[in-house]
Amino acid sequence: MAYVYHEQFLQVDLTDGRAGTVAPGPGLIDRFVGGHGFAARLLWDMVPRCADCLGPANALLFLPGPLTDTLAPCMRACVALKSSLAGTYCDSFYLSLIH
């Protein structure tokens, strides 16, 4: 299987209106798998523990699944954030059965 990760993320700051690419931390791609794994680690690193769930310190992540752009019927994308209901990690997957 080809190495599909481009080793960069697009980061958009809605408070300032700035956007740019950032490299993942060392080992992220080697130790975590796809959108779910990346999201858990990135939220842990990016969002302060006491951050307001609806405040500017929270992050909303849209990440690809590990089998994105393959013929496998699988999870295609992950959306993750710090939940306003429980104050903990929350994610949702988009499932596409039609390629």
PDB file of N, CA and C in Angstrom:
ATOM      1  N   MET A   1       0.846  -1.184   0.000  1.00  0.00           N
ATOM      2  CA  MET A   1       0.000   0.000   0.000  1.00  0.00           C
ATOM      3  C   MET A   1       0.889   1.244   0.000  1.00  0.00           C
ATOM      4  N   ALA A   2       0.527   2.198  -0.766  1.00  0.00           N
ATOM      5  CA  ALA A   2       1.297   3.441  -0.853  1.00  0.00           C
ATOM      6  C   ALA A   2       1.161   4.248   0.432  1.00  0.00           C
ATOM      7  N   TYR A   3       2.177   5.007   0.725  1.00  0.00           N
ATOM      8  CA  TYR A   3       2.152   5.898   1.888  1.00  0.00           C
ATOM      9  C   TYR A   3       1.286   7.100   1.526  1.00  0.00           C
ATOM     10  N   VAL A   4       0.112   7.218   2.144  1.00  0.00           N
ATOM     11  CA  VAL A   4      -0.871   8.200   1.694  1.00  0.00           C
ATOM     12  C   VAL A   4      -0.867   9.505   2.482  1.00  0.00           C
ATOM     13  N   TYR A   5      -0.233   9.548   3.622  1.00  0.00           N
ATOM     14  CA  TYR A   5      -0.262  10.769   4.418  1.00  0.00           C
ATOM     15  C   TYR A   5       0.718  11.798   3.866  1.00  0.00           C
ATOM     16  N   HIS A   6       0.312  13.033   3.846  1.00  0.00           N
ATOM     17  CA  HIS A   6       1.150  14.101   3.300  1.00  0.00           C
ATOM     18  C   HIS A   6       1.961  14.806   4.384  1.00  0.00           C
ATOM     19  N   GLU A   7       1.822  14.361   5.621  1.00  0.00           N
ATOM     20  CA  GLU A   7       2.584  14.874   6.761  1.00  0.00           C
ATOM     21  C   GLU A   7       2.414  16.377   6.972  1.00  0.00           C
ATOM     22  N   GLN A   8       1.203  16.860   6.735  1.00  0.00           N
ATOM     23  CA  GLN A   8       0.882  18.250   7.061  1.00  0.00           C
ATOM     24  C   GLN A   8      -0.623  18.375   7.234  1.00  0.00           C
ATOM     25  N   PHE A   9      -1.011  19.334   8.040  1.00  0.00           N
ATOM     26  CA  PHE A   9      -2.416  19.613   8.285  1.00  0.00           C
ATOM     27  C   PHE A   9      -2.691  21.067   7.951  1.00  0.00           C
ATOM     28  N   LEU A  10      -3.897  21.330   7.515  1.00  0.00           N
ATOM     29  CA  LEU A  10      -4.322  22.705   7.317  1.00  0.00           C
ATOM     30  C   LEU A  10      -4.901  23.185   8.638  1.00  0.00           C
ATOM     31  N   GLN A  11      -4.420  24.304   9.134  1.00  0.00           N
ATOM     32  CA  GLN A  11      -4.922  24.866  10.386  1.00  0.00           C
ATOM     33  C   GLN A  11      -5.531  26.223  10.079  1.00  0.00           C
ATOM     34  N   VAL A  12      -6.798  26.403  10.470  1.00  0.00           N
ATOM     35  CA  VAL A  12      -7.510  27.655  10.241  1.00  0.00           C
ATOM     36  C   VAL A  12      -7.883  28.228  11.594  1.00  0.00           C
ATOM     37  N   ASP A  13      -7.488  29.457  11.847  1.00  0.00           N
ATOM     38  CA  ASP A  13      -7.822  30.153  13.088  1.00  0.00           C
ATOM     39  C   ASP A  13      -8.986  31.094  12.782  1.00  0.00           C
ATOM     40  N   LEU A  14     -10.171  30.743  13.253  1.00  0.00           N
ATOM     41  CA  LEU A  14     -11.361  31.535  12.954  1.00  0.00           C
ATOM     42  C   LEU A  14     -11.390  32.850  13.727  1.00  0.00           C
ATOM     43  N   THR A  15     -10.632  32.947  14.807  1.00  0.00           N
ATOM     44  CA  THR A  15     -10.568  34.191  15.570  1.00  0.00           C
ATOM     45  C   THR A  15      -9.809  35.261  14.788  1.00  0.00           C
ATOM     46  N   ASP A  16      -8.672  34.890  14.211  1.00  0.00           N
ATOM     47  CA  ASP A  16      -7.828  35.840  13.470  1.00  0.00           C
ATOM     48  C   ASP A  16      -8.087  35.841  11.968  1.00  0.00           C
ATOM     49  N   GLY A  17      -8.705  34.770  11.459  1.00  0.00           N
ATOM     50  CA  GLY A  17      -8.905  34.638  10.030  1.00  0.00           C
ATOM     51  C   GLY A  17      -7.658  34.196   9.289  1.00  0.00           C
ATOM     52  N   ARG A  18      -6.705  33.577  10.001  1.00  0.00           N
ATOM     53  CA  ARG A  18      -5.464  33.111   9.390  1.00  0.00           C
ATOM     54  C   ARG A  18      -5.546  31.614   9.084  1.00  0.00           C
ATOM     55  N   ALA A  19      -4.820  31.198   8.055  1.00  0.00           N
ATOM     56  CA  ALA A  19      -4.752  29.784   7.701  1.00  0.00           C
ATOM     57  C   ALA A  19      -3.343  29.455   7.243  1.00  0.00           C
ATOM     58  N   GLY A  20      -2.947  28.217   7.470  1.00  0.00           N
ATOM     59  CA  GLY A  20      -1.633  27.763   7.031  1.00  0.00           C
ATOM     60  C   GLY A  20      -1.472  26.281   7.311  1.00  0.00           C
ATOM     61  N   THR A  21      -0.426  25.708   6.792  1.00  0.00           N
ATOM     62  CA  THR A  21      -0.168  24.293   7.038  1.00  0.00           C
ATOM     63  C   THR A  21       0.783  24.147   8.222  1.00  0.00           C
ATOM     64  N   VAL A  22       0.578  23.089   8.975  1.00  0.00           N
ATOM     65  CA  VAL A  22       1.447  22.768  10.106  1.00  0.00           C
ATOM     66  C   VAL A  22       1.829  21.295  10.009  1.00  0.00           C
ATOM     67  N   ALA A  23       3.031  20.993  10.422  1.00  0.00           N
ATOM     68  CA  ALA A  23       3.504  19.605  10.429  1.00  0.00           C
ATOM     69  C   ALA A  23       3.039  18.930  11.719  1.00  0.00           C
ATOM     70  N   PRO A  24       2.648  17.659  11.652  1.00  0.00           N
ATOM     71  CA  PRO A  24       2.280  16.951  12.878  1.00  0.00           C
ATOM     72  C   PRO A  24       3.494  16.768  13.769  1.00  0.00           C
ATOM     73  N   GLY A  25       3.252  16.572  15.043  1.00  0.00           N
ATOM     74  CA  GLY A  25       4.346  16.337  15.977  1.00  0.00           C
ATOM     75  C   GLY A  25       5.098  15.064  15.631  1.00  0.00           C
ATOM     76  N   PRO A  26       6.295  14.916  16.154  1.00  0.00           N
ATOM     77  CA  PRO A  26       7.088  13.723  15.844  1.00  0.00           C
ATOM     78  C   PRO A  26       6.382  12.445  16.303  1.00  0.00           C
ATOM     79  N   GLY A  27       6.308  11.487  15.403  1.00  0.00           N
ATOM     80  CA  GLY A  27       5.729  10.190  15.740  1.00  0.00           C
ATOM     81  C   GLY A  27       4.225  10.090  15.621  1.00  0.00           C
ATOM     82  N   LEU A  28       3.520  11.177  15.336  1.00  0.00           N
ATOM     83  CA  LEU A  28       2.051  11.121  15.273  1.00  0.00           C
ATOM     84  C   LEU A  28       1.590  10.107  14.241  1.00  0.00           C
ATOM     85  N   ILE A  29       2.131  10.180  13.042  1.00  0.00           N
ATOM     86  CA  ILE A  29       1.698   9.299  11.969  1.00  0.00           C
ATOM     87  C   ILE A  29       2.140   7.860  12.217  1.00  0.00           C
ATOM     88  N   ASP A  30       3.261   7.673  12.871  1.00  0.00           N
ATOM     89  CA  ASP A  30       3.752   6.320  13.141  1.00  0.00           C
ATOM     90  C   ASP A  30       3.035   5.655  14.313  1.00  0.00           C
ATOM     91  N   ARG A  31       2.531   6.439  15.272  1.00  0.00           N
ATOM     92  CA  ARG A  31       1.942   5.866  16.485  1.00  0.00           C
ATOM     93  C   ARG A  31       0.419   5.870  16.517  1.00  0.00           C
ATOM     94  N   PHE A  32      -0.225   6.668  15.677  1.00  0.00           N
ATOM     95  CA  PHE A  32      -1.681   6.760  15.694  1.00  0.00           C
ATOM     96  C   PHE A  32      -2.223   6.483  14.305  1.00  0.00           C
ATOM     97  N   VAL A  33      -3.414   5.885  14.232  1.00  0.00           N
ATOM     98  CA  VAL A  33      -3.973   5.477  12.953  1.00  0.00           C
ATOM     99  C   VAL A  33      -5.155   6.363  12.571  1.00  0.00           C
ATOM    100  N   GLY A  34      -5.046   6.984  11.410  1.00  0.00           N
ATOM    101  CA  GLY A  34      -6.159   7.697  10.800  1.00  0.00           C
ATOM    102  C   GLY A  34      -6.799   8.783  11.637  1.00  0.00           C
ATOM    103  N   GLY A  35      -7.970   9.215  11.195  1.00  0.00           N
ATOM    104  CA  GLY A  35      -8.672  10.334  11.796  1.00  0.00           C
ATOM    105  C   GLY A  35      -8.954  10.178  13.279  1.00  0.00           C
ATOM    106  N   HIS A  36      -9.423   9.016  13.696  1.00  0.00           N
ATOM    107  CA  HIS A  36      -9.762   8.804  15.110  1.00  0.00           C
ATOM    108  C   HIS A  36      -8.535   8.925  16.001  1.00  0.00           C
ATOM    109  N   GLY A  37      -7.462   8.267  15.628  1.00  0.00           N
ATOM    110  CA  GLY A  37      -6.221   8.323  16.408  1.00  0.00           C
ATOM    111  C   GLY A  37      -5.585   9.698  16.380  1.00  0.00           C
ATOM    112  N   PHE A  38      -5.522  10.306  15.181  1.00  0.00           N
ATOM    113  CA  PHE A  38      -4.956  11.648  15.067  1.00  0.00           C
ATOM    114  C   PHE A  38      -5.756  12.636  15.905  1.00  0.00           C
ATOM    115  N   ALA A  39      -7.083  12.544  15.819  1.00  0.00           N
ATOM    116  CA  ALA A  39      -7.945  13.489  16.537  1.00  0.00           C
ATOM    117  C   ALA A  39      -7.732  13.405  18.043  1.00  0.00           C
ATOM    118  N   ALA A  40      -7.679  12.194  18.573  1.00  0.00           N
ATOM    119  CA  ALA A  40      -7.490  12.032  20.014  1.00  0.00           C
ATOM    120  C   ALA A  40      -6.193  12.686  20.462  1.00  0.00           C
ATOM    121  N   ARG A  41      -5.125  12.433  19.731  1.00  0.00           N
ATOM    122  CA  ARG A  41      -3.829  12.998  20.124  1.00  0.00           C
ATOM    123  C   ARG A  41      -3.772  14.509  19.909  1.00  0.00           C
ATOM    124  N   LEU A  42      -4.271  14.981  18.777  1.00  0.00           N
ATOM    125  CA  LEU A  42      -4.227  16.417  18.490  1.00  0.00           C
ATOM    126  C   LEU A  42      -5.074  17.214  19.482  1.00  0.00           C
ATOM    127  N   LEU A  43      -6.249  16.705  19.837  1.00  0.00           N
ATOM    128  CA  LEU A  43      -7.071  17.407  20.837  1.00  0.00           C
ATOM    129  C   LEU A  43      -6.361  17.436  22.188  1.00  0.00           C
ATOM    130  N   TRP A  44      -5.726  16.325  22.543  1.00  0.00           N
ATOM    131  CA  TRP A  44      -4.982  16.265  23.803  1.00  0.00           C
ATOM    132  C   TRP A  44      -3.887  17.336  23.823  1.00  0.00           C
ATOM    133  N   ASP A  45      -3.191  17.499  22.694  1.00  0.00           N
ATOM    134  CA  ASP A  45      -2.089  18.461  22.607  1.00  0.00           C
ATOM    135  C   ASP A  45      -2.558  19.904  22.444  1.00  0.00           C
ATOM    136  N   MET A  46      -3.643  20.127  21.722  1.00  0.00           N
ATOM    137  CA  MET A  46      -4.046  21.476  21.337  1.00  0.00           C
ATOM    138  C   MET A  46      -5.010  22.169  22.300  1.00  0.00           C
ATOM    139  N   VAL A  47      -5.903  21.428  22.908  1.00  0.00           N
ATOM    140  CA  VAL A  47      -6.970  22.035  23.708  1.00  0.00           C
ATOM    141  C   VAL A  47      -6.623  21.941  25.191  1.00  0.00           C
ATOM    142  N   PRO A  48      -6.519  23.081  25.858  1.00  0.00           N
ATOM    143  CA  PRO A  48      -6.243  23.050  27.301  1.00  0.00           C
ATOM    144  C   PRO A  48      -7.365  22.326  28.054  1.00  0.00           C
ATOM    145  N   ARG A  49      -6.993  21.649  29.108  1.00  0.00           N
ATOM    146  CA  ARG A  49      -7.949  20.847  29.871  1.00  0.00           C
ATOM    147  C   ARG A  49      -9.128  21.679  30.382  1.00  0.00           C
ATOM    148  N   CYS A  50      -8.879  22.905  30.804  1.00  0.00           N
ATOM    149  CA  CYS A  50      -9.941  23.735  31.364  1.00  0.00           C
ATOM    150  C   CYS A  50     -10.584  24.651  30.313  1.00  0.00           C
ATOM    151  N   ALA A  51     -10.324  24.399  29.038  1.00  0.00           N
ATOM    152  CA  ALA A  51     -10.862  25.258  27.976  1.00  0.00           C
ATOM    153  C   ALA A  51     -12.381  25.162  27.917  1.00  0.00           C
ATOM    154  N   ASP A  52     -13.011  26.298  27.650  1.00  0.00           N
ATOM    155  CA  ASP A  52     -14.453  26.340  27.446  1.00  0.00           C
ATOM    156  C   ASP A  52     -14.767  25.595  26.154  1.00  0.00           C
ATOM    157  N   CYS A  53     -15.716  24.688  26.210  1.00  0.00           N
ATOM    158  CA  CYS A  53     -16.054  23.884  25.035  1.00  0.00           C
ATOM    159  C   CYS A  53     -16.543  24.733  23.869  1.00  0.00           C
ATOM    160  N   LEU A  54     -17.161  25.858  24.166  1.00  0.00           N
ATOM    161  CA  LEU A  54     -17.671  26.737  23.115  1.00  0.00           C
ATOM    162  C   LEU A  54     -16.784  27.950  22.902  1.00  0.00           C
ATOM    163  N   GLY A  55     -15.614  27.971  23.523  1.00  0.00           N
ATOM    164  CA  GLY A  55     -14.705  29.109  23.436  1.00  0.00           C
ATOM    165  C   GLY A  55     -13.679  28.971  22.321  1.00  0.00           C
ATOM    166  N   PRO A  56     -12.891  30.008  22.128  1.00  0.00           N
ATOM    167  CA  PRO A  56     -11.904  30.013  21.042  1.00  0.00           C
ATOM    168  C   PRO A  56     -10.731  29.050  21.248  1.00  0.00           C
ATOM    169  N   ALA A  57     -10.525  28.547  22.449  1.00  0.00           N
ATOM    170  CA  ALA A  57      -9.419  27.604  22.690  1.00  0.00           C
ATOM    171  C   ALA A  57      -9.765  26.187  22.248  1.00  0.00           C
ATOM    172  N   ASN A  58     -11.047  25.912  22.018  1.00  0.00           N
ATOM    173  CA  ASN A  58     -11.449  24.583  21.560  1.00  0.00           C
ATOM    174  C   ASN A  58     -11.081  24.424  20.092  1.00  0.00           C
ATOM    175  N   ALA A  59     -10.941  23.198  19.645  1.00  0.00           N
ATOM    176  CA  ALA A  59     -10.605  22.917  18.250  1.00  0.00           C
ATOM    177  C   ALA A  59     -11.692  22.038  17.651  1.00  0.00           C
ATOM    178  N   LEU A  60     -11.956  22.246  16.391  1.00  0.00           N
ATOM    179  CA  LEU A  60     -12.862  21.398  15.618  1.00  0.00           C
ATOM    180  C   LEU A  60     -12.012  20.783  14.522  1.00  0.00           C
ATOM    181  N   LEU A  61     -11.865  19.460  14.555  1.00  0.00           N
ATOM    182  CA  LEU A  61     -10.955  18.768  13.641  1.00  0.00           C
ATOM    183  C   LEU A  61     -11.725  17.951  12.610  1.00  0.00           C
ATOM    184  N   PHE A  62     -11.317  18.055  11.368  1.00  0.00           N
ATOM    185  CA  PHE A  62     -11.821  17.237  10.273  1.00  0.00           C
ATOM    186  C   PHE A  62     -10.626  16.459   9.740  1.00  0.00           C
ATOM    187  N   LEU A  63     -10.661  15.140   9.895  1.00  0.00           N
ATOM    188  CA  LEU A  63      -9.492  14.325   9.548  1.00  0.00           C
ATOM    189  C   LEU A  63      -9.897  13.119   8.704  1.00  0.00           C
ATOM    190  N   PRO A  64      -9.015  12.683   7.795  1.00  0.00           N
ATOM    191  CA  PRO A  64      -9.316  11.524   6.959  1.00  0.00           C
ATOM    192  C   PRO A  64      -9.122  10.218   7.713  1.00  0.00           C
ATOM    193  N   GLY A  65      -9.851   9.200   7.299  1.00  0.00           N
ATOM    194  CA  GLY A  65      -9.646   7.864   7.827  1.00  0.00           C
ATOM    195  C   GLY A  65      -8.448   7.220   7.154  1.00  0.00           C
ATOM    196  N   PRO A  66      -7.931   6.120   7.702  1.00  0.00           N
ATOM    197  CA  PRO A  66      -6.725   5.505   7.151  1.00  0.00           C
ATOM    198  C   PRO A  66      -6.933   4.863   5.783  1.00  0.00           C
ATOM    199  N   LEU A  67      -8.155   4.545   5.424  1.00  0.00           N
ATOM    200  CA  LEU A  67      -8.410   3.915   4.131  1.00  0.00           C
ATOM    201  C   LEU A  67      -9.104   4.862   3.150  1.00  0.00           C
ATOM    202  N   THR A  68      -9.033   6.145   3.422  1.00  0.00           N
ATOM    203  CA  THR A  68      -9.589   7.131   2.506  1.00  0.00           C
ATOM    204  C   THR A  68      -8.920   6.986   1.148  1.00  0.00           C
ATOM    205  N   ASP A  69      -9.685   7.132   0.111  1.00  0.00           N
ATOM    206  CA  ASP A  69      -9.218   7.017  -1.268  1.00  0.00           C
ATOM    207  C   ASP A  69      -8.822   5.586  -1.633  1.00  0.00           C
ATOM    208  N   THR A  70      -9.457   4.620  -0.971  1.00  0.00           N
ATOM    209  CA  THR A  70      -9.300   3.221  -1.363  1.00  0.00           C
ATOM    210  C   THR A  70     -10.682   2.685  -1.706  1.00  0.00           C
ATOM    211  N   LEU A  71     -10.754   1.490  -2.219  1.00  0.00           N
ATOM    212  CA  LEU A  71     -12.040   0.890  -2.563  1.00  0.00           C
ATOM    213  C   LEU A  71     -12.717   0.220  -1.368  1.00  0.00           C
ATOM    214  N   ALA A  72     -12.053   0.170  -0.238  1.00  0.00           N
ATOM    215  CA  ALA A  72     -12.608  -0.483   0.946  1.00  0.00           C
ATOM    216  C   ALA A  72     -13.814   0.288   1.470  1.00  0.00           C
ATOM    217  N   PRO A  73     -14.935  -0.403   1.752  1.00  0.00           N
ATOM    218  CA  PRO A  73     -16.078   0.280   2.369  1.00  0.00           C
ATOM    219  C   PRO A  73     -15.746   0.514   3.841  1.00  0.00           C
ATOM    220  N   CYS A  74     -15.420   1.738   4.179  1.00  0.00           N
ATOM    221  CA  CYS A  74     -14.894   2.009   5.503  1.00  0.00           C
ATOM    222  C   CYS A  74     -15.232   3.431   5.942  1.00  0.00           C
ATOM    223  N   MET A  75     -14.806   3.764   7.141  1.00  0.00           N
ATOM    224  CA  MET A  75     -14.964   5.119   7.636  1.00  0.00           C
ATOM    225  C   MET A  75     -14.104   6.048   6.793  1.00  0.00           C
ATOM    226  N   ARG A  76     -14.697   7.074   6.248  1.00  0.00           N
ATOM    227  CA  ARG A  76     -13.981   7.955   5.338  1.00  0.00           C
ATOM    228  C   ARG A  76     -13.440   9.203   6.012  1.00  0.00           C
ATOM    229  N   ALA A  77     -14.106   9.686   7.060  1.00  0.00           N
ATOM    230  CA  ALA A  77     -13.664  10.927   7.687  1.00  0.00           C
ATOM    231  C   ALA A  77     -14.105  10.952   9.147  1.00  0.00           C
ATOM    232  N   CYS A  78     -13.385  11.737   9.931  1.00  0.00           N
ATOM    233  CA  CYS A  78     -13.667  11.873  11.351  1.00  0.00           C
ATOM    234  C   CYS A  78     -13.776  13.362  11.679  1.00  0.00           C
ATOM    235  N   VAL A  79     -14.786  13.708  12.444  1.00  0.00           N
ATOM    236  CA  VAL A  79     -14.933  15.069  12.967  1.00  0.00           C
ATOM    237  C   VAL A  79     -14.843  14.940  14.479  1.00  0.00           C
ATOM    238  N   ALA A  80     -13.971  15.731  15.102  1.00  0.00           N
ATOM    239  CA  ALA A  80     -13.754  15.593  16.542  1.00  0.00           C
ATOM    240  C   ALA A  80     -13.632  16.961  17.204  1.00  0.00           C
ATOM    241  N   LEU A  81     -14.008  17.004  18.485  1.00  0.00           N
ATOM    242  CA  LEU A  81     -13.935  18.228  19.273  1.00  0.00           C
ATOM    243  C   LEU A  81     -14.086  17.890  20.745  1.00  0.00           C
ATOM    244  N   LYS A  82     -13.901  18.903  21.586  1.00  0.00           N
ATOM    245  CA  LYS A  82     -14.197  18.748  23.008  1.00  0.00           C
ATOM    246  C   LYS A  82     -15.689  18.991  23.156  1.00  0.00           C
ATOM    247  N   SER A  83     -16.399  18.004  23.654  1.00  0.00           N
ATOM    248  CA  SER A  83     -17.852  18.043  23.734  1.00  0.00           C
ATOM    249  C   SER A  83     -18.350  19.090  24.721  1.00  0.00           C
ATOM    250  N   SER A  84     -19.369  19.839  24.323  1.00  0.00           N
ATOM    251  CA  SER A  84     -19.970  20.814  25.234  1.00  0.00           C
ATOM    252  C   SER A  84     -20.890  20.133  26.243  1.00  0.00           C
ATOM    253  N   LEU A  85     -21.356  18.941  25.944  1.00  0.00           N
ATOM    254  CA  LEU A  85     -22.252  18.229  26.851  1.00  0.00           C
ATOM    255  C   LEU A  85     -21.493  17.598  28.016  1.00  0.00           C
ATOM    256  N   ALA A  86     -20.436  16.866  27.718  1.00  0.00           N
ATOM    257  CA  ALA A  86     -19.701  16.145  28.762  1.00  0.00           C
ATOM    258  C   ALA A  86     -18.357  16.769  29.098  1.00  0.00           C
ATOM    259  N   GLY A  87     -17.867  17.679  28.246  1.00  0.00           N
ATOM    260  CA  GLY A  87     -16.563  18.286  28.480  1.00  0.00           C
ATOM    261  C   GLY A  87     -15.408  17.353  28.179  1.00  0.00           C
ATOM    262  N   THR A  88     -15.670  16.291  27.422  1.00  0.00           N
ATOM    263  CA  THR A  88     -14.638  15.325  27.069  1.00  0.00           C
ATOM    264  C   THR A  88     -14.543  15.189  25.549  1.00  0.00           C
ATOM    265  N   TYR A  89     -13.629  14.340  25.105  1.00  0.00           N
ATOM    266  CA  TYR A  89     -13.433  14.069  23.685  1.00  0.00           C
ATOM    267  C   TYR A  89     -14.704  13.520  23.052  1.00  0.00           C
ATOM    268  N   CYS A  90     -15.033  14.017  21.880  1.00  0.00           N
ATOM    269  CA  CYS A  90     -16.210  13.556  21.157  1.00  0.00           C
ATOM    270  C   CYS A  90     -15.841  13.456  19.688  1.00  0.00           C
ATOM    271  N   ASP A  91     -16.227  12.356  19.033  1.00  0.00           N
ATOM    272  CA  ASP A  91     -15.968  12.267  17.600  1.00  0.00           C
ATOM    273  C   ASP A  91     -17.146  11.634  16.884  1.00  0.00           C
ATOM    274  N   SER A  92     -17.171  11.855  15.606  1.00  0.00           N
ATOM    275  CA  SER A  92     -18.230  11.326  14.764  1.00  0.00           C
ATOM    276  C   SER A  92     -17.597  10.912  13.444  1.00  0.00           C
ATOM    277  N   PHE A  93     -18.097   9.862  12.863  1.00  0.00           N
ATOM    278  CA  PHE A  93     -17.538   9.379  11.623  1.00  0.00           C
ATOM    279  C   PHE A  93     -18.552   9.490  10.505  1.00  0.00           C
ATOM    280  N   TYR A  94     -18.049   9.784   9.317  1.00  0.00           N
ATOM    281  CA  TYR A  94     -18.870   9.790   8.115  1.00  0.00           C
ATOM    282  C   TYR A  94     -18.585   8.488   7.388  1.00  0.00           C
ATOM    283  N   LEU A  95     -19.611   7.709   7.174  1.00  0.00           N
ATOM    284  CA  LEU A  95     -19.455   6.431   6.511  1.00  0.00           C
ATOM    285  C   LEU A  95     -19.984   6.543   5.099  1.00  0.00           C
ATOM    286  N   SER A  96     -19.161   6.188   4.149  1.00  0.00           N
ATOM    287  CA  SER A  96     -19.565   6.214   2.757  1.00  0.00           C
ATOM    288  C   SER A  96     -19.430   4.796   2.210  1.00  0.00           C
ATOM    289  N   LEU A  97     -20.527   4.226   1.770  1.00  0.00           N
ATOM    290  CA  LEU A  97     -20.471   2.885   1.185  1.00  0.00           C
ATOM    291  C   LEU A  97     -20.367   2.942  -0.325  1.00  0.00           C
ATOM    292  N   ILE A  98     -20.500   4.121  -0.894  1.00  0.00           N
ATOM    293  CA  ILE A  98     -20.387   4.290  -2.336  1.00  0.00           C
ATOM    294  C   ILE A  98     -19.112   5.058  -2.618  1.00  0.00           C
ATOM    295  N   HIS A  99     -18.253   4.502  -3.418  1.00  0.00           N
ATOM    296  CA  HIS A  99     -16.978   5.167  -3.729  1.00  0.00           C
ATOM    297  C   HIS A  99     -17.096   5.919  -5.022  1.00  0.00           C
TER     298      HIS A  99
END
